């Protein structure tokens, strides 16, 4: 299992500025980049506040589409699928490293 990204610096392509994203917003951005055109949903990529992470990323100027989808099951309803449309290059990633506990 990959360690979660805790901080990430990206560059807007083709010749845009760089920006650094931290915490869960960095995790969400990495998930969106990896998902590509398929996008991410809270069902497939569980996290407590997807809509807030997307809100933060949009505040940085990133273009993220929300597609509303229906789902069935015992708790049927709808959910958002988030698709990143801004082309980005990952410049740097910092990942969580679990520290060994002293005995």
C-alpha atoms as a PDB file:
ATOM      1  CA  UNK A   1       0.000   0.000   0.000  1.00  0.00           C
ATOM      2  CA  UNK A   2       1.330   3.433  -0.927  1.00  0.00           C
ATOM      3  CA  UNK A   3       1.942   5.936   1.848  1.00  0.00           C
ATOM      4  CA  UNK A   4      -0.463   8.880   1.702  1.00  0.00           C
ATOM      5  CA  UNK A   5       0.863  12.150   0.298  1.00  0.00           C
ATOM      6  CA  UNK A   6       0.924  14.916   2.929  1.00  0.00           C
ATOM      7  CA  UNK A   7       2.264  17.765   0.796  1.00  0.00           C
ATOM      8  CA  UNK A   8       2.532  18.118  -2.952  1.00  0.00           C
ATOM      9  CA  UNK A   9       3.868  20.778  -5.302  1.00  0.00           C
ATOM     10  CA  UNK A  10       2.419  20.854  -8.811  1.00  0.00           C
ATOM     11  CA  UNK A  11       2.909  22.982 -11.890  1.00  0.00           C
ATOM     12  CA  UNK A  12       0.066  23.970 -14.173  1.00  0.00           C
ATOM     13  CA  UNK A  13       0.810  22.868 -17.735  1.00  0.00           C
ATOM     14  CA  UNK A  14       1.935  23.916 -20.224  1.00  0.00           C
ATOM     15  CA  UNK A  15       3.755  26.860 -18.612  1.00  0.00           C
ATOM     16  CA  UNK A  16       1.881  27.877 -15.497  1.00  0.00           C
ATOM     17  CA  UNK A  17       2.796  28.652 -11.949  1.00  0.00           C
ATOM     18  CA  UNK A  18       3.619  26.147  -9.250  1.00  0.00           C
ATOM     19  CA  UNK A  19       1.492  25.676  -6.147  1.00  0.00           C
ATOM     20  CA  UNK A  20       1.868  23.640  -2.995  1.00  0.00           C
ATOM     21  CA  UNK A  21      -1.066  21.789  -1.441  1.00  0.00           C
ATOM     22  CA  UNK A  22      -0.976  20.220   2.020  1.00  0.00           C
ATOM     23  CA  UNK A  23      -2.874  17.649   4.053  1.00  0.00           C
ATOM     24  CA  UNK A  24      -6.078  16.035   2.858  1.00  0.00           C
ATOM     25  CA  UNK A  25      -6.320  18.485  -0.039  1.00  0.00           C
ATOM     26  CA  UNK A  26      -2.969  17.120  -1.284  1.00  0.00           C
ATOM     27  CA  UNK A  27      -4.296  13.577  -0.908  1.00  0.00           C
ATOM     28  CA  UNK A  28      -7.438  14.508  -2.864  1.00  0.00           C
ATOM     29  CA  UNK A  29      -5.423  16.215  -5.603  1.00  0.00           C
ATOM     30  CA  UNK A  30      -3.178  13.162  -5.971  1.00  0.00           C
ATOM     31  CA  UNK A  31      -6.301  10.970  -6.176  1.00  0.00           C
ATOM     32  CA  UNK A  32      -7.782  13.217  -8.883  1.00  0.00           C
ATOM     33  CA  UNK A  33      -4.538  13.182 -10.885  1.00  0.00           C
ATOM     34  CA  UNK A  34      -4.304   9.385 -10.721  1.00  0.00           C
ATOM     35  CA  UNK A  35      -7.980   8.931 -11.630  1.00  0.00           C
ATOM     36  CA  UNK A  36      -7.694  10.981 -14.807  1.00  0.00           C
ATOM     37  CA  UNK A  37     -10.877  11.328 -16.861  1.00  0.00           C
ATOM     38  CA  UNK A  38     -12.674   8.699 -14.773  1.00  0.00           C
ATOM     39  CA  UNK A  39     -12.654  11.046 -11.793  1.00  0.00           C
ATOM     40  CA  UNK A  40     -13.115  10.221  -8.113  1.00  0.00           C
ATOM     41  CA  UNK A  41     -16.142   9.601  -5.946  1.00  0.00           C
ATOM     42  CA  UNK A  42     -16.424   9.417  -2.163  1.00  0.00           C
ATOM     43  CA  UNK A  43     -17.663   5.856  -2.688  1.00  0.00           C
ATOM     44  CA  UNK A  44     -14.531   4.698  -4.539  1.00  0.00           C
ATOM     45  CA  UNK A  45     -12.091   6.953  -2.649  1.00  0.00           C
ATOM     46  CA  UNK A  46     -13.489   7.254   0.885  1.00  0.00           C
ATOM     47  CA  UNK A  47     -12.611  10.410   2.792  1.00  0.00           C
ATOM     48  CA  UNK A  48     -14.631  12.462   5.246  1.00  0.00           C
ATOM     49  CA  UNK A  49     -14.970  15.756   3.355  1.00  0.00           C
ATOM     50  CA  UNK A  50     -14.441  15.392  -0.406  1.00  0.00           C
ATOM     51  CA  UNK A  51     -16.571  18.424  -1.214  1.00  0.00           C
ATOM     52  CA  UNK A  52     -14.414  20.589   1.064  1.00  0.00           C
ATOM     53  CA  UNK A  53     -11.167  19.334  -0.482  1.00  0.00           C
ATOM     54  CA  UNK A  54     -12.549  20.158  -3.942  1.00  0.00           C
ATOM     55  CA  UNK A  55     -13.623  23.591  -2.662  1.00  0.00           C
ATOM     56  CA  UNK A  56     -10.055  24.262  -1.464  1.00  0.00           C
ATOM     57  CA  UNK A  57      -8.540  23.086  -4.757  1.00  0.00           C
ATOM     58  CA  UNK A  58     -10.937  25.206  -6.797  1.00  0.00           C
ATOM     59  CA  UNK A  59      -9.889  28.154  -4.633  1.00  0.00           C
ATOM     60  CA  UNK A  60      -6.365  27.643  -5.980  1.00  0.00           C
ATOM     61  CA  UNK A  61      -7.726  28.051  -9.512  1.00  0.00           C
ATOM     62  CA  UNK A  62      -7.967  24.379 -10.471  1.00  0.00           C
ATOM     63  CA  UNK A  63     -10.792  23.358 -12.772  1.00  0.00           C
ATOM     64  CA  UNK A  64     -12.694  20.461 -11.180  1.00  0.00           C
ATOM     65  CA  UNK A  65     -16.047  19.320 -12.549  1.00  0.00           C
ATOM     66  CA  UNK A  66     -18.735  17.798 -10.327  1.00  0.00           C
ATOM     67  CA  UNK A  67     -20.895  15.160 -12.018  1.00  0.00           C
ATOM     68  CA  UNK A  68     -23.943  14.162  -9.976  1.00  0.00           C
ATOM     69  CA  UNK A  69     -24.633  10.403 -10.027  1.00  0.00           C
ATOM     70  CA  UNK A  70     -27.334   8.215  -8.527  1.00  0.00           C
ATOM     71  CA  UNK A  71     -26.500   5.124  -6.524  1.00  0.00           C
ATOM     72  CA  UNK A  72     -28.667   2.309  -5.190  1.00  0.00           C
ATOM     73  CA  UNK A  73     -28.366   0.020  -2.231  1.00  0.00           C
ATOM     74  CA  UNK A  74     -29.643   0.220   1.312  1.00  0.00           C
ATOM     75  CA  UNK A  75     -28.685   3.905   1.482  1.00  0.00           C
ATOM     76  CA  UNK A  76     -29.583   4.933  -2.053  1.00  0.00           C
ATOM     77  CA  UNK A  77     -29.210   8.533  -3.117  1.00  0.00           C
ATOM     78  CA  UNK A  78     -26.704  10.522  -5.094  1.00  0.00           C
ATOM     79  CA  UNK A  79     -23.048  11.423  -4.898  1.00  0.00           C
ATOM     80  CA  UNK A  80     -20.578  13.600  -6.759  1.00  0.00           C
ATOM     81  CA  UNK A  81     -17.911  12.403  -9.127  1.00  0.00           C
ATOM     82  CA  UNK A  82     -15.064  14.908  -9.257  1.00  0.00           C
ATOM     83  CA  UNK A  83     -13.007  15.226 -12.448  1.00  0.00           C
ATOM     84  CA  UNK A  84      -9.857  17.352 -12.639  1.00  0.00           C
ATOM     85  CA  UNK A  85      -9.624  19.253 -15.936  1.00  0.00           C
ATOM     86  CA  UNK A  86      -6.520  21.338 -15.188  1.00  0.00           C
ATOM     87  CA  UNK A  87      -3.405  19.664 -16.563  1.00  0.00           C
ATOM     88  CA  UNK A  88      -0.765  19.369 -13.870  1.00  0.00           C
ATOM     89  CA  UNK A  89       2.771  18.093 -13.491  1.00  0.00           C
ATOM     90  CA  UNK A  90       3.789  16.798 -10.071  1.00  0.00           C
ATOM     91  CA  UNK A  91       7.001  18.563  -9.056  1.00  0.00           C
ATOM     92  CA  UNK A  92       7.405  17.167  -5.541  1.00  0.00           C
ATOM     93  CA  UNK A  93       5.547  14.859  -3.160  1.00  0.00           C
ATOM     94  CA  UNK A  94       6.062  14.446   0.572  1.00  0.00           C
ATOM     95  CA  UNK A  95       4.561  11.277   1.990  1.00  0.00           C
ATOM     96  CA  UNK A  96       3.674  10.224   5.487  1.00  0.00           C
ATOM     97  CA  UNK A  97       6.349   8.083   7.025  1.00  0.00           C
ATOM     98  CA  UNK A  98       5.372   6.163  10.111  1.00  0.00           C
ATOM     99  CA  UNK A  99       8.008   6.536  12.791  1.00  0.00           C
ATOM    100  CA  UNK A 100       9.129   3.477  14.702  1.00  0.00           C
ATOM    101  CA  UNK A 101       7.969   3.456  18.300  1.00  0.00           C
ATOM    102  CA  UNK A 102      10.570   3.127  21.018  1.00  0.00           C
ATOM    103  CA  UNK A 103      10.247  -0.061  23.040  1.00  0.00           C
END
